[in-house]
Amino acid sequence: MSALFNFNALLLVILLLICTCTYIRQVVPGMVDSRKDKNIFFGVFWKFARIGERLSPYVSICCLVMAVCFFVQ
């Protein structure tokens, strides 16, 4: 089943994208910051990284909840 039709899989993809973009921005900040205005693709990555930076406690709690849900299933 596609991640678009399964809500749990869609949430997992979004959480992993937020965590990955935030990590990449912490390690190589110039890669995401310098290209955010030039390319829509990197602009979306920059927005996900910003969400991960500003809402990091909530994102980490959501990751833990998703992990528990997958272990219980």
PDB file of N, CA and C in Angstrom:
ATOM      1  N   MET A   1       0.843  -1.174   0.000  1.00  0.00           N
ATOM      2  CA  MET A   1       0.000   0.000   0.000  1.00  0.00           C
ATOM      3  C   MET A   1       0.896   1.248   0.000  1.00  0.00           C
ATOM      4  N   SER A   2       0.501   2.221  -0.729  1.00  0.00           N
ATOM      5  CA  SER A   2       1.278   3.449  -0.856  1.00  0.00           C
ATOM      6  C   SER A   2       1.218   4.270   0.431  1.00  0.00           C
ATOM      7  N   ALA A   3       2.243   5.066   0.659  1.00  0.00           N
ATOM      8  CA  ALA A   3       2.275   5.916   1.858  1.00  0.00           C
ATOM      9  C   ALA A   3       1.228   7.017   1.797  1.00  0.00           C
ATOM     10  N   LEU A   4       0.731   7.314   0.603  1.00  0.00           N
ATOM     11  CA  LEU A   4      -0.290   8.349   0.485  1.00  0.00           C
ATOM     12  C   LEU A   4      -1.647   7.877   0.986  1.00  0.00           C
ATOM     13  N   PHE A   5      -1.902   6.584   0.922  1.00  0.00           N
ATOM     14  CA  PHE A   5      -3.201   6.057   1.304  1.00  0.00           C
ATOM     15  C   PHE A   5      -3.217   5.476   2.714  1.00  0.00           C
ATOM     16  N   ASN A   6      -2.058   5.258   3.290  1.00  0.00           N
ATOM     17  CA  ASN A   6      -1.960   4.736   4.642  1.00  0.00           C
ATOM     18  C   ASN A   6      -1.514   5.887   5.555  1.00  0.00           C
ATOM     19  N   PHE A   7      -2.375   6.283   6.478  1.00  0.00           N
ATOM     20  CA  PHE A   7      -2.095   7.468   7.301  1.00  0.00           C
ATOM     21  C   PHE A   7      -0.871   7.275   8.177  1.00  0.00           C
ATOM     22  N   ASN A   8      -0.693   6.090   8.757  1.00  0.00           N
ATOM     23  CA  ASN A   8       0.480   5.847   9.607  1.00  0.00           C
ATOM     24  C   ASN A   8       1.772   5.939   8.801  1.00  0.00           C
ATOM     25  N   ALA A   9       1.757   5.407   7.597  1.00  0.00           N
ATOM     26  CA  ALA A   9       2.950   5.469   6.756  1.00  0.00           C
ATOM     27  C   ALA A   9       3.238   6.908   6.325  1.00  0.00           C
ATOM     28  N   LEU A  10       2.188   7.679   6.050  1.00  0.00           N
ATOM     29  CA  LEU A  10       2.379   9.079   5.683  1.00  0.00           C
ATOM     30  C   LEU A  10       2.985   9.869   6.836  1.00  0.00           C
ATOM     31  N   LEU A  11       2.491   9.648   8.056  1.00  0.00           N
ATOM     32  CA  LEU A  11       3.080  10.322   9.221  1.00  0.00           C
ATOM     33  C   LEU A  11       4.535   9.918   9.420  1.00  0.00           C
ATOM     34  N   LEU A  12       4.830   8.650   9.202  1.00  0.00           N
ATOM     35  CA  LEU A  12       6.206   8.182   9.351  1.00  0.00           C
ATOM     36  C   LEU A  12       7.122   8.840   8.325  1.00  0.00           C
ATOM     37  N   VAL A  13       6.678   8.947   7.086  1.00  0.00           N
ATOM     38  CA  VAL A  13       7.483   9.580   6.046  1.00  0.00           C
ATOM     39  C   VAL A  13       7.723  11.048   6.384  1.00  0.00           C
ATOM     40  N   ILE A  14       6.705  11.742   6.841  1.00  0.00           N
ATOM     41  CA  ILE A  14       6.854  13.160   7.189  1.00  0.00           C
ATOM     42  C   ILE A  14       7.809  13.329   8.370  1.00  0.00           C
ATOM     43  N   LEU A  15       7.679  12.495   9.386  1.00  0.00           N
ATOM     44  CA  LEU A  15       8.587  12.580  10.540  1.00  0.00           C
ATOM     45  C   LEU A  15      10.029  12.288  10.142  1.00  0.00           C
ATOM     46  N   LEU A  16      10.230  11.275   9.318  1.00  0.00           N
ATOM     47  CA  LEU A  16      11.594  10.966   8.877  1.00  0.00           C
ATOM     48  C   LEU A  16      12.162  12.081   8.011  1.00  0.00           C
ATOM     49  N   LEU A  17      11.329  12.699   7.197  1.00  0.00           N
ATOM     50  CA  LEU A  17      11.791  13.815   6.372  1.00  0.00           C
ATOM     51  C   LEU A  17      12.174  15.010   7.235  1.00  0.00           C
ATOM     52  N   ILE A  18      11.377  15.297   8.263  1.00  0.00           N
ATOM     53  CA  ILE A  18      11.697  16.397   9.181  1.00  0.00           C
ATOM     54  C   ILE A  18      13.015  16.124   9.896  1.00  0.00           C
ATOM     55  N   CYS A  19      13.171  14.915  10.413  1.00  0.00           N
ATOM     56  CA  CYS A  19      14.397  14.577  11.149  1.00  0.00           C
ATOM     57  C   CYS A  19      15.623  14.597  10.237  1.00  0.00           C
ATOM     58  N   THR A  20      15.487  14.079   9.025  1.00  0.00           N
ATOM     59  CA  THR A  20      16.612  14.052   8.094  1.00  0.00           C
ATOM     60  C   THR A  20      17.019  15.456   7.669  1.00  0.00           C
ATOM     61  N   CYS A  21      16.045  16.288   7.342  1.00  0.00           N
ATOM     62  CA  CYS A  21      16.362  17.658   6.916  1.00  0.00           C
ATOM     63  C   CYS A  21      16.996  18.463   8.039  1.00  0.00           C
ATOM     64  N   THR A  22      16.523  18.260   9.265  1.00  0.00           N
ATOM     65  CA  THR A  22      17.107  18.967  10.397  1.00  0.00           C
ATOM     66  C   THR A  22      18.546  18.522  10.623  1.00  0.00           C
ATOM     67  N   TYR A  23      18.801  17.223  10.509  1.00  0.00           N
ATOM     68  CA  TYR A  23      20.163  16.715  10.679  1.00  0.00           C
ATOM     69  C   TYR A  23      21.087  17.251   9.595  1.00  0.00           C
ATOM     70  N   ILE A  24      20.636  17.236   8.347  1.00  0.00           N
ATOM     71  CA  ILE A  24      21.469  17.732   7.248  1.00  0.00           C
ATOM     72  C   ILE A  24      21.768  19.208   7.436  1.00  0.00           C
ATOM     73  N   ARG A  25      20.781  19.974   7.900  1.00  0.00           N
ATOM     74  CA  ARG A  25      21.020  21.407   8.107  1.00  0.00           C
ATOM     75  C   ARG A  25      21.999  21.651   9.251  1.00  0.00           C
ATOM     76  N   GLN A  26      22.003  20.796  10.267  1.00  0.00           N
ATOM     77  CA  GLN A  26      22.960  20.946  11.360  1.00  0.00           C
ATOM     78  C   GLN A  26      24.375  20.597  10.915  1.00  0.00           C
ATOM     79  N   VAL A  27      24.502  19.584  10.061  1.00  0.00           N
ATOM     80  CA  VAL A  27      25.828  19.138   9.629  1.00  0.00           C
ATOM     81  C   VAL A  27      26.385  20.037   8.530  1.00  0.00           C
ATOM     82  N   VAL A  28      25.560  20.331   7.524  1.00  0.00           N
ATOM     83  CA  VAL A  28      25.996  21.140   6.387  1.00  0.00           C
ATOM     84  C   VAL A  28      24.980  22.262   6.183  1.00  0.00           C
ATOM     85  N   PRO A  29      25.067  23.330   6.967  1.00  0.00           N
ATOM     86  CA  PRO A  29      24.034  24.373   6.872  1.00  0.00           C
ATOM     87  C   PRO A  29      24.007  25.113   5.544  1.00  0.00           C
ATOM     88  N   GLY A  30      25.144  25.252   4.888  1.00  0.00           N
ATOM     89  CA  GLY A  30      25.185  25.971   3.628  1.00  0.00           C
ATOM     90  C   GLY A  30      24.457  25.272   2.499  1.00  0.00           C
ATOM     91  N   MET A  31      24.349  23.952   2.591  1.00  0.00           N
ATOM     92  CA  MET A  31      23.699  23.197   1.526  1.00  0.00           C
ATOM     93  C   MET A  31      22.213  23.525   1.439  1.00  0.00           C
ATOM     94  N   VAL A  32      21.570  23.669   2.564  1.00  0.00           N
ATOM     95  CA  VAL A  32      20.125  23.931   2.580  1.00  0.00           C
ATOM     96  C   VAL A  32      19.846  25.426   2.535  1.00  0.00           C
ATOM     97  N   ASP A  33      20.602  26.213   3.282  1.00  0.00           N
ATOM     98  CA  ASP A  33      20.322  27.646   3.395  1.00  0.00           C
ATOM     99  C   ASP A  33      20.587  28.419   2.110  1.00  0.00           C
ATOM    100  N   SER A  34      21.676  28.092   1.423  1.00  0.00           N
ATOM    101  CA  SER A  34      22.039  28.879   0.243  1.00  0.00           C
ATOM    102  C   SER A  34      21.146  28.589  -0.958  1.00  0.00           C
ATOM    103  N   ARG A  35      20.510  27.441  -0.981  1.00  0.00           N
ATOM    104  CA  ARG A  35      19.721  27.053  -2.148  1.00  0.00           C
ATOM    105  C   ARG A  35      18.219  27.154  -1.934  1.00  0.00           C
ATOM    106  N   LYS A  36      17.779  27.647  -0.791  1.00  0.00           N
ATOM    107  CA  LYS A  36      16.341  27.646  -0.493  1.00  0.00           C
ATOM    108  C   LYS A  36      15.552  28.572  -1.414  1.00  0.00           C
ATOM    109  N   ASP A  37      16.164  29.664  -1.880  1.00  0.00           N
ATOM    110  CA  ASP A  37      15.460  30.596  -2.759  1.00  0.00           C
ATOM    111  C   ASP A  37      15.603  30.229  -4.240  1.00  0.00           C
ATOM    112  N   LYS A  38      16.622  29.480  -4.574  1.00  0.00           N
ATOM    113  CA  LYS A  38      16.881  29.151  -5.973  1.00  0.00           C
ATOM    114  C   LYS A  38      16.048  27.982  -6.468  1.00  0.00           C
ATOM    115  N   ASN A  39      15.723  27.050  -5.590  1.00  0.00           N
ATOM    116  CA  ASN A  39      15.071  25.819  -6.005  1.00  0.00           C
ATOM    117  C   ASN A  39      13.943  25.499  -5.031  1.00  0.00           C
ATOM    118  N   ILE A  40      12.778  25.181  -5.546  1.00  0.00           N
ATOM    119  CA  ILE A  40      11.638  24.849  -4.677  1.00  0.00           C
ATOM    120  C   ILE A  40      11.924  23.582  -3.881  1.00  0.00           C
ATOM    121  N   PHE A  41      12.645  22.647  -4.495  1.00  0.00           N
ATOM    122  CA  PHE A  41      12.981  21.394  -3.836  1.00  0.00           C
ATOM    123  C   PHE A  41      13.754  21.641  -2.539  1.00  0.00           C
ATOM    124  N   PHE A  42      14.770  22.491  -2.589  1.00  0.00           N
ATOM    125  CA  PHE A  42      15.537  22.809  -1.386  1.00  0.00           C
ATOM    126  C   PHE A  42      14.758  23.727  -0.451  1.00  0.00           C
ATOM    127  N   GLY A  43      13.835  24.508  -0.985  1.00  0.00           N
ATOM    128  CA  GLY A  43      12.974  25.333  -0.139  1.00  0.00           C
ATOM    129  C   GLY A  43      12.093  24.496   0.759  1.00  0.00           C
ATOM    130  N   VAL A  44      11.587  23.390   0.226  1.00  0.00           N
ATOM    131  CA  VAL A  44      10.776  22.472   1.036  1.00  0.00           C
ATOM    132  C   VAL A  44      11.645  21.821   2.108  1.00  0.00           C
ATOM    133  N   PHE A  45      12.872  21.431   1.734  1.00  0.00           N
ATOM    134  CA  PHE A  45      13.790  20.864   2.723  1.00  0.00           C
ATOM    135  C   PHE A  45      14.091  21.872   3.826  1.00  0.00           C
ATOM    136  N   TRP A  46      14.267  23.142   3.449  1.00  0.00           N
ATOM    137  CA  TRP A  46      14.543  24.181   4.438  1.00  0.00           C
ATOM    138  C   TRP A  46      13.359  24.338   5.390  1.00  0.00           C
ATOM    139  N   LYS A  47      12.135  24.272   4.868  1.00  0.00           N
ATOM    140  CA  LYS A  47      10.956  24.393   5.726  1.00  0.00           C
ATOM    141  C   LYS A  47      10.847  23.217   6.689  1.00  0.00           C
ATOM    142  N   PHE A  48      11.127  22.006   6.211  1.00  0.00           N
ATOM    143  CA  PHE A  48      11.117  20.851   7.101  1.00  0.00           C
ATOM    144  C   PHE A  48      12.203  20.965   8.163  1.00  0.00           C
ATOM    145  N   ALA A  49      13.367  21.478   7.786  1.00  0.00           N
ATOM    146  CA  ALA A  49      14.444  21.668   8.761  1.00  0.00           C
ATOM    147  C   ALA A  49      14.054  22.702   9.802  1.00  0.00           C
ATOM    148  N   ARG A  50      13.378  23.767   9.379  1.00  0.00           N
ATOM    149  CA  ARG A  50      12.932  24.800  10.314  1.00  0.00           C
ATOM    150  C   ARG A  50      11.902  24.232  11.290  1.00  0.00           C
ATOM    151  N   ILE A  51      10.995  23.399  10.797  1.00  0.00           N
ATOM    152  CA  ILE A  51      10.018  22.757  11.681  1.00  0.00           C
ATOM    153  C   ILE A  51      10.740  21.882  12.702  1.00  0.00           C
ATOM    154  N   GLY A  52      11.735  21.132  12.238  1.00  0.00           N
ATOM    155  CA  GLY A  52      12.489  20.271  13.146  1.00  0.00           C
ATOM    156  C   GLY A  52      13.267  21.037  14.193  1.00  0.00           C
ATOM    157  N   GLU A  53      13.766  22.219  13.831  1.00  0.00           N
ATOM    158  CA  GLU A  53      14.516  23.021  14.794  1.00  0.00           C
ATOM    159  C   GLU A  53      13.601  23.658  15.828  1.00  0.00           C
ATOM    160  N   ARG A  54      12.516  24.204  15.382  1.00  0.00           N
ATOM    161  CA  ARG A  54      11.637  24.954  16.284  1.00  0.00           C
ATOM    162  C   ARG A  54      10.749  24.058  17.130  1.00  0.00           C
ATOM    163  N   LEU A  55      10.343  22.934  16.593  1.00  0.00           N
ATOM    164  CA  LEU A  55       9.433  22.043  17.317  1.00  0.00           C
ATOM    165  C   LEU A  55      10.107  20.727  17.690  1.00  0.00           C
ATOM    166  N   SER A  56      11.398  20.766  17.978  1.00  0.00           N
ATOM    167  CA  SER A  56      12.143  19.533  18.216  1.00  0.00           C
ATOM    168  C   SER A  56      11.611  18.688  19.367  1.00  0.00           C
ATOM    169  N   PRO A  57      11.146  19.253  20.486  1.00  0.00           N
ATOM    170  CA  PRO A  57      10.592  18.371  21.521  1.00  0.00           C
ATOM    171  C   PRO A  57       9.343  17.627  21.041  1.00  0.00           C
ATOM    172  N   TYR A  58       8.503  18.318  20.294  1.00  0.00           N
ATOM    173  CA  TYR A  58       7.278  17.682  19.809  1.00  0.00           C
ATOM    174  C   TYR A  58       7.565  16.650  18.727  1.00  0.00           C
ATOM    175  N   VAL A  59       8.536  16.945  17.884  1.00  0.00           N
ATOM    176  CA  VAL A  59       8.918  15.996  16.842  1.00  0.00           C
ATOM    177  C   VAL A  59       9.508  14.740  17.472  1.00  0.00           C
ATOM    178  N   SER A  60      10.341  14.896  18.484  1.00  0.00           N
ATOM    179  CA  SER A  60      10.934  13.722  19.130  1.00  0.00           C
ATOM    180  C   SER A  60       9.878  12.901  19.863  1.00  0.00           C
ATOM    181  N   ILE A  61       8.910  13.555  20.478  1.00  0.00           N
ATOM    182  CA  ILE A  61       7.818  12.821  21.127  1.00  0.00           C
ATOM    183  C   ILE A  61       7.003  12.063  20.083  1.00  0.00           C
ATOM    184  N   CYS A  62       6.742  12.691  18.952  1.00  0.00           N
ATOM    185  CA  CYS A  62       6.001  12.015  17.875  1.00  0.00           C
ATOM    186  C   CYS A  62       6.784  10.815  17.348  1.00  0.00           C
ATOM    187  N   CYS A  63       8.105  10.940  17.246  1.00  0.00           N
ATOM    188  CA  CYS A  63       8.930   9.811  16.802  1.00  0.00           C
ATOM    189  C   CYS A  63       8.853   8.657  17.789  1.00  0.00           C
ATOM    190  N   LEU A  64       8.894   8.978  19.062  1.00  0.00           N
ATOM    191  CA  LEU A  64       8.780   7.925  20.075  1.00  0.00           C
ATOM    192  C   LEU A  64       7.413   7.253  20.042  1.00  0.00           C
ATOM    193  N   VAL A  65       6.366   8.043  19.884  1.00  0.00           N
ATOM    194  CA  VAL A  65       5.011   7.480  19.811  1.00  0.00           C
ATOM    195  C   VAL A  65       4.868   6.583  18.589  1.00  0.00           C
ATOM    196  N   MET A  66       5.403   7.013  17.454  1.00  0.00           N
ATOM    197  CA  MET A  66       5.341   6.191  16.246  1.00  0.00           C
ATOM    198  C   MET A  66       6.139   4.895  16.415  1.00  0.00           C
ATOM    199  N   ALA A  67       7.282   4.963  17.083  1.00  0.00           N
ATOM    200  CA  ALA A  67       8.069   3.757  17.329  1.00  0.00           C
ATOM    201  C   ALA A  67       7.305   2.780  18.209  1.00  0.00           C
ATOM    202  N   VAL A  68       6.676   3.285  19.239  1.00  0.00           N
ATOM    203  CA  VAL A  68       5.886   2.411  20.117  1.00  0.00           C
ATOM    204  C   VAL A  68       4.720   1.802  19.349  1.00  0.00           C
ATOM    205  N   CYS A  69       4.071   2.596  18.525  1.00  0.00           N
ATOM    206  CA  CYS A  69       2.942   2.084  17.727  1.00  0.00           C
ATOM    207  C   CYS A  69       3.383   0.970  16.784  1.00  0.00           C
ATOM    208  N   PHE A  70       4.552   1.122  16.165  1.00  0.00           N
ATOM    209  CA  PHE A  70       5.021   0.088  15.257  1.00  0.00           C
ATOM    210  C   PHE A  70       5.462  -1.168  16.011  1.00  0.00           C
ATOM    211  N   PHE A  71       5.994  -1.014  17.219  1.00  0.00           N
ATOM    212  CA  PHE A  71       6.357  -2.185  18.004  1.00  0.00           C
ATOM    213  C   PHE A  71       5.121  -2.926  18.521  1.00  0.00           C
ATOM    214  N   VAL A  72       4.076  -2.196  18.826  1.00  0.00           N
ATOM    215  CA  VAL A  72       2.853  -2.818  19.338  1.00  0.00           C
ATOM    216  C   VAL A  72       2.123  -3.574  18.225  1.00  0.00           C
ATOM    217  N   GLN A  73       2.167  -3.019  17.006  1.00  0.00           N
ATOM    218  CA  GLN A  73       1.481  -3.688  15.897  1.00  0.00           C
ATOM    219  C   GLN A  73       2.194  -4.955  15.629  1.00  0.00           C
TER     220      GLN A  73
END
